[in-house]
Amino acid sequence: MIRLFAIAGGLFFTVAALWSFVTGAYVAATEGLGEETAEYAFHEHPKDLHLASDGVFGKWDVNQLQRGYQVYKEVCSACHSMKFVAFRNLADLGYNEDEIKAEAANWQVPGIDPNTGEATTRPGLPTDYFPSPYPNNVAAAAANNNAIPPDLSLITKARHNGSAYLYSLLTGYQAQPAALLERFPDSKTPDGLHYNPYFPNLNLAMAAPLNPEQVAYADGTAATVDQMSQDVSAFLTWTAEPTLIERKQTGLPVLGFLLFATILAFFAKKQVWAAVKPAKRKD
């Protein structure tokens, strides 16, 4: 009886796996074969972005991360929060203790009036997290054409190919192509929205946030839109995974140890079983 139940269970899971495979293959084969939409026809995949942190042997470009932080501070922070990053984390970018204290003090964070107990604001401390520019989501939506700006702490992990996606989005603002309006006359970008082929539905509430020379880099780097987009994308790659490089550096020795242990186990097995001869077959 137990054997029958086991066979029935195996058949059930086999049929379920085959059904999932067949339906998945059908969807993949027929995707996009129906009525074509403007989003499907004109949405573009992210551009190539090569950061110093890419690859197995990648490392943070600290100068670029500092430039990216400057772009966030002077441009992006007007609308976007970064609630999972503390000021003290800036030590990873090469800032010393005094510089971090000064940076934190330049920000106003939520606080409590010790005399009245009412909510107020105060200069930030190294232990505080980057504050939101809005008191709540209602205020954020009201200030941004009914769209709530997303928190940027983990944005490059929350989007597919996030670093390249962010870079492409920031550099991708343009006028709607004439070909789009010819094929899809009803797809004109609504008032208050902005065309960007790297955004999934092609139109987003955020206007192009970057303009040439919008920030003045301390290291003299030319602040082109492309350069600022790369820098802030690198910075937000760090905020999303600040231990990325340490993880890679740890992973290589671990893989080396596992390879060595596997070889050692193989030779140990050969040594242990060397004196055991295989039994002769009886025909």
Protein backbone atom coordinates (compact mmCIF):
# COMPACT_ATOMS: atom_id res chain seq x y z
CA MET A 1 0.00 0.00 0.00
CA ILE A 2 2.79 2.41 0.90
CA ARG A 3 4.43 1.64 -2.41
CA LEU A 4 1.22 2.52 -4.26
CA PHE A 5 1.00 5.87 -2.45
CA ALA A 6 4.63 6.57 -3.32
CA ILE A 7 4.01 5.78 -7.00
CA ALA A 8 0.87 7.95 -7.03
CA GLY A 9 2.74 10.83 -5.39
CA GLY A 10 5.58 10.53 -7.89
CA LEU A 11 3.16 10.53 -10.81
CA PHE A 12 1.39 13.60 -9.42
CA PHE A 13 4.59 15.63 -9.14
CA THR A 14 5.76 14.43 -12.55
CA VAL A 15 2.51 15.55 -14.18
CA ALA A 16 2.65 18.88 -12.33
CA ALA A 17 6.23 19.49 -13.50
CA LEU A 18 5.33 18.62 -17.11
CA TRP A 19 2.27 20.89 -16.98
CA SER A 20 4.36 23.80 -15.68
CA PHE A 21 6.97 23.22 -18.39
CA VAL A 22 4.40 23.04 -21.19
CA THR A 23 2.48 26.14 -20.07
CA GLY A 24 5.70 28.09 -19.51
CA ALA A 25 7.01 27.14 -22.94
CA TYR A 26 3.69 28.14 -24.52
CA VAL A 27 3.70 31.55 -22.84
CA ALA A 28 7.33 32.15 -23.82
CA ALA A 29 6.65 31.13 -27.43
CA THR A 30 3.49 33.22 -27.82
CA GLU A 31 4.50 36.28 -25.80
CA GLY A 32 4.17 39.39 -27.90
CA LEU A 33 2.31 37.58 -30.71
CA GLY A 34 -0.99 39.19 -29.79
CA GLU A 35 -1.95 42.80 -30.35
CA GLU A 36 1.25 44.84 -30.26
CA THR A 37 1.40 47.72 -27.81
CA ALA A 38 3.51 50.86 -27.78
CA GLU A 39 5.17 49.69 -24.58
CA TYR A 40 6.17 46.37 -26.16
CA ALA A 41 7.36 47.93 -29.42
CA PHE A 42 9.31 50.92 -28.08
CA HIS A 43 10.54 49.92 -24.64
CA GLU A 44 14.34 49.60 -24.73
CA HIS A 45 16.66 47.40 -22.70
CA PRO A 46 19.20 49.17 -20.48
CA LYS A 47 22.42 50.46 -21.98
CA ASP A 48 25.72 48.85 -21.08
CA LEU A 49 27.24 50.26 -17.90
CA HIS A 50 30.67 49.17 -16.74
CA LEU A 51 31.48 49.98 -13.11
CA ALA A 52 34.71 49.32 -11.22
CA SER A 53 32.73 47.04 -8.88
CA ASP A 54 31.69 44.69 -11.69
CA GLY A 55 33.18 41.23 -12.07
CA VAL A 56 34.76 38.76 -9.70
CA PHE A 57 37.75 40.99 -9.00
CA GLY A 58 35.80 44.27 -8.93
CA LYS A 59 36.55 47.01 -6.40
CA TRP A 60 34.79 50.18 -5.37
CA ASP A 61 35.95 53.34 -7.10
CA VAL A 62 35.84 55.52 -3.98
CA ASN A 63 36.23 58.76 -5.93
CA GLN A 64 33.26 57.85 -8.09
CA LEU A 65 31.19 56.89 -5.04
CA GLN A 66 31.94 60.27 -3.46
CA ARG A 67 30.88 62.01 -6.67
CA GLY A 68 27.71 59.91 -6.75
CA TYR A 69 26.95 60.87 -3.16
CA GLN A 70 27.34 64.52 -4.12
CA VAL A 71 24.82 64.07 -6.95
CA TYR A 72 22.39 62.38 -4.59
CA LYS A 73 22.84 65.08 -1.95
CA GLU A 74 22.53 68.07 -4.29
CA VAL A 75 19.94 66.71 -6.72
CA CYS A 76 18.18 63.46 -5.86
CA SER A 77 17.59 64.12 -2.14
CA ALA A 78 15.12 66.89 -3.03
CA CYS A 79 12.57 64.15 -3.84
CA HIS A 80 13.99 60.76 -2.82
CA SER A 81 14.71 59.34 0.62
CA MET A 82 17.46 56.87 1.49
CA LYS A 83 16.06 55.47 4.74
CA PHE A 84 18.26 52.38 5.03
CA VAL A 85 21.58 54.26 4.90
CA ALA A 86 23.01 55.96 7.98
CA PHE A 87 25.38 58.93 7.88
CA ARG A 88 28.01 56.83 9.65
CA ASN A 89 28.03 54.48 6.65
CA LEU A 90 29.80 57.23 4.72
CA ALA A 91 32.98 56.06 6.44
CA ASP A 92 33.08 53.34 3.77
CA LEU A 93 33.46 56.10 1.17
CA GLY A 94 36.60 57.47 2.78
CA TYR A 95 35.08 60.19 4.95
CA ASN A 96 36.62 60.59 8.40
CA GLU A 97 34.74 61.04 11.66
CA ASP A 98 34.78 64.84 11.62
CA GLU A 99 33.62 64.95 8.00
CA ILE A 100 30.77 62.57 8.76
CA LYS A 101 29.65 64.69 11.72
CA ALA A 102 29.72 67.77 9.51
CA GLU A 103 27.78 66.01 6.74
CA ALA A 104 25.14 64.76 9.17
CA ALA A 105 24.73 68.21 10.72
CA ASN A 106 23.88 69.64 7.29
CA TRP A 107 20.70 67.54 7.20
CA GLN A 108 17.52 68.11 9.19
CA VAL A 109 16.09 64.89 10.65
CA PRO A 110 12.87 64.27 12.60
CA GLY A 111 13.17 64.93 16.34
CA ILE A 112 11.20 65.62 19.51
CA ASP A 113 11.14 68.93 21.33
CA PRO A 114 12.39 68.06 24.86
CA ASN A 115 10.29 70.83 26.38
CA THR A 116 6.94 70.25 24.70
CA GLY A 117 7.22 66.68 23.39
CA GLU A 118 6.06 67.86 19.98
CA ALA A 119 7.54 66.64 16.73
CA THR A 120 10.23 68.91 15.34
CA THR A 121 13.45 68.69 13.35
CA ARG A 122 17.07 68.85 14.43
CA PRO A 123 20.54 68.61 12.84
CA GLY A 124 21.48 65.05 12.02
CA LEU A 125 23.93 62.87 13.94
CA PRO A 126 26.20 60.16 12.49
CA THR A 127 23.83 57.52 13.87
CA ASP A 128 20.81 58.99 12.06
CA TYR A 129 19.57 57.76 8.70
CA PHE A 130 19.10 59.90 5.62
CA PRO A 131 15.69 61.54 6.03
CA SER A 132 12.78 61.77 3.63
CA PRO A 133 12.16 65.20 2.10
CA TYR A 134 8.42 64.76 2.78
CA PRO A 135 6.59 64.20 6.07
CA ASN A 136 4.40 61.43 4.58
CA ASN A 137 3.33 59.78 1.33
CA VAL A 138 0.35 62.11 0.89
CA ALA A 139 2.65 65.12 0.84
CA ALA A 140 5.07 63.30 -1.47
CA ALA A 141 2.30 62.48 -3.96
CA ALA A 142 0.89 66.00 -3.82
CA ALA A 143 4.28 67.46 -4.72
CA ASN A 144 4.98 65.03 -7.56
CA ASN A 145 1.94 64.85 -9.82
CA ASN A 146 0.34 62.16 -7.67
CA ALA A 147 3.40 59.89 -7.88
CA ILE A 148 5.37 58.94 -4.77
CA PRO A 149 9.15 59.07 -5.40
CA PRO A 150 10.64 55.69 -4.43
CA ASP A 151 13.24 55.32 -1.70
CA LEU A 152 16.65 54.91 -3.31
CA SER A 153 18.43 52.82 -0.66
CA LEU A 154 17.85 49.53 -2.48
CA ILE A 155 16.74 50.77 -5.88
CA THR A 156 19.47 48.98 -7.85
CA LYS A 157 18.50 45.68 -6.19
CA ALA A 158 14.78 46.30 -6.70
CA ARG A 159 15.10 46.67 -10.49
CA HIS A 160 16.33 44.11 -12.99
CA ASN A 161 19.90 44.97 -14.00
CA GLY A 162 19.42 47.86 -11.60
CA SER A 163 22.64 49.84 -12.03
CA ALA A 164 22.39 49.89 -15.83
CA TYR A 165 18.64 50.52 -15.64
CA LEU A 166 19.15 53.58 -13.44
CA TYR A 167 21.92 54.93 -15.66
CA SER A 168 19.80 54.39 -18.78
CA LEU A 169 16.76 56.03 -17.21
CA LEU A 170 18.68 59.14 -16.17
CA THR A 171 20.19 59.56 -19.64
CA GLY A 172 17.16 58.37 -21.62
CA TYR A 173 14.80 61.36 -21.60
CA GLN A 174 13.84 62.39 -25.12
CA ALA A 175 10.99 63.52 -27.32
CA GLN A 176 8.52 60.88 -28.40
CA PRO A 177 9.62 59.31 -31.70
CA ALA A 178 7.45 60.19 -34.68
CA ALA A 179 7.27 56.48 -35.53
CA LEU A 180 5.57 55.77 -32.20
CA LEU A 181 2.83 58.35 -32.80
CA GLU A 182 2.34 57.10 -36.35
CA ARG A 183 1.83 53.49 -35.26
CA PHE A 184 0.04 54.28 -32.01
CA PRO A 185 -1.76 57.64 -32.35
CA ASP A 186 -3.37 57.26 -28.91
CA SER A 187 -0.02 56.87 -27.16
CA LYS A 188 0.90 60.53 -26.89
CA THR A 189 2.62 61.27 -23.58
CA PRO A 190 0.01 62.78 -21.23
CA ASP A 191 0.50 66.26 -19.82
CA GLY A 192 2.62 66.18 -16.69
CA LEU A 193 4.47 63.01 -17.73
CA HIS A 194 7.77 62.61 -19.55
CA TYR A 195 8.76 60.16 -22.28
CA ASN A 196 11.58 57.77 -21.49
CA PRO A 197 11.94 54.49 -23.46
CA TYR A 198 13.78 52.81 -20.58
CA PHE A 199 10.79 53.12 -18.25
CA PRO A 200 8.42 50.12 -18.57
CA ASN A 201 5.35 52.09 -19.67
CA LEU A 202 7.43 54.76 -21.49
CA ASN A 203 6.06 57.70 -19.49
CA LEU A 204 6.96 58.71 -15.95
CA ALA A 205 6.16 61.57 -13.63
CA MET A 206 9.77 62.48 -12.87
CA ALA A 207 11.18 65.10 -15.19
CA ALA A 208 14.79 64.81 -16.30
CA PRO A 209 16.60 65.53 -13.01
CA LEU A 210 20.10 66.20 -14.35
CA ASN A 211 21.50 69.06 -16.37
CA PRO A 212 25.11 69.67 -17.48
CA GLU A 213 27.30 71.23 -14.78
CA GLN A 214 24.48 70.94 -12.26
CA VAL A 215 27.02 70.01 -9.60
CA ALA A 216 30.62 71.16 -9.19
CA TYR A 217 32.81 68.14 -8.55
CA ALA A 218 35.61 68.78 -6.07
CA ASP A 219 38.03 66.61 -8.08
CA GLY A 220 37.51 68.65 -11.24
CA THR A 221 35.63 65.95 -13.17
CA ALA A 222 33.37 67.41 -15.86
CA ALA A 223 29.79 67.14 -14.62
CA THR A 224 28.10 65.99 -17.82
CA VAL A 225 24.71 64.30 -17.61
CA ASP A 226 26.33 61.01 -18.61
CA GLN A 227 29.06 61.34 -15.96
CA MET A 228 26.65 62.28 -13.18
CA SER A 229 24.34 59.41 -14.16
CA GLN A 230 27.22 56.92 -13.97
CA ASP A 231 28.39 58.31 -10.64
CA VAL A 232 25.01 58.26 -8.90
CA SER A 233 24.32 54.78 -10.31
CA ALA A 234 27.62 53.57 -8.81
CA PHE A 235 26.77 55.23 -5.49
CA LEU A 236 23.31 53.60 -5.35
CA THR A 237 24.89 50.27 -6.24
CA TRP A 238 26.93 50.69 -3.07
CA THR A 239 23.93 51.72 -0.91
CA ALA A 240 22.03 48.64 -2.07
CA GLU A 241 24.88 46.24 -1.28
CA PRO A 242 27.72 47.90 0.66
CA THR A 243 29.35 44.52 1.39
CA LEU A 244 29.49 43.53 -2.29
CA ILE A 245 33.29 43.66 -2.58
CA GLU A 246 33.86 41.94 0.78
CA ARG A 247 31.48 39.18 -0.31
CA LYS A 248 33.45 38.65 -3.52
CA GLN A 249 36.76 38.69 -1.65
CA THR A 250 35.41 36.11 0.80
CA GLY A 251 33.90 33.96 -1.91
CA LEU A 252 37.15 33.34 -3.80
CA PRO A 253 39.02 31.76 -0.83
CA VAL A 254 35.92 29.74 0.03
CA LEU A 255 35.73 28.37 -3.51
CA GLY A 256 39.45 27.61 -3.40
CA PHE A 257 39.04 25.77 -0.10
CA LEU A 258 36.10 23.74 -1.43
CA LEU A 259 38.12 22.76 -4.51
CA PHE A 260 41.07 21.73 -2.34
CA ALA A 261 38.77 19.77 0.03
CA THR A 262 37.16 17.98 -2.93
CA ILE A 263 40.54 16.91 -4.32
CA LEU A 264 41.65 15.82 -0.84
CA ALA A 265 38.46 13.81 -0.34
CA PHE A 266 38.95 12.11 -3.71
CA PHE A 267 42.49 10.98 -2.90
CA ALA A 268 41.41 9.93 0.60
CA LYS A 269 38.69 7.79 -0.93
CA LYS A 270 41.21 6.22 -3.31
CA GLN A 271 43.56 5.50 -0.39
CA VAL A 272 40.86 4.00 1.86
CA TRP A 273 39.46 1.73 -0.83
CA ALA A 274 42.78 0.84 -2.51
CA ALA A 275 42.99 -2.59 -0.88
CA VAL A 276 39.42 -3.54 -1.69
CA LYS A 277 39.11 -5.56 -4.82
CA PRO A 278 35.84 -5.71 -6.74
CA ALA A 279 33.94 -8.97 -6.41
CA LYS A 280 34.10 -11.32 -9.39
CA ARG A 281 30.90 -11.86 -11.25
CA LYS A 282 29.46 -15.36 -11.36
CA ASP A 283 27.99 -16.18 -14.70
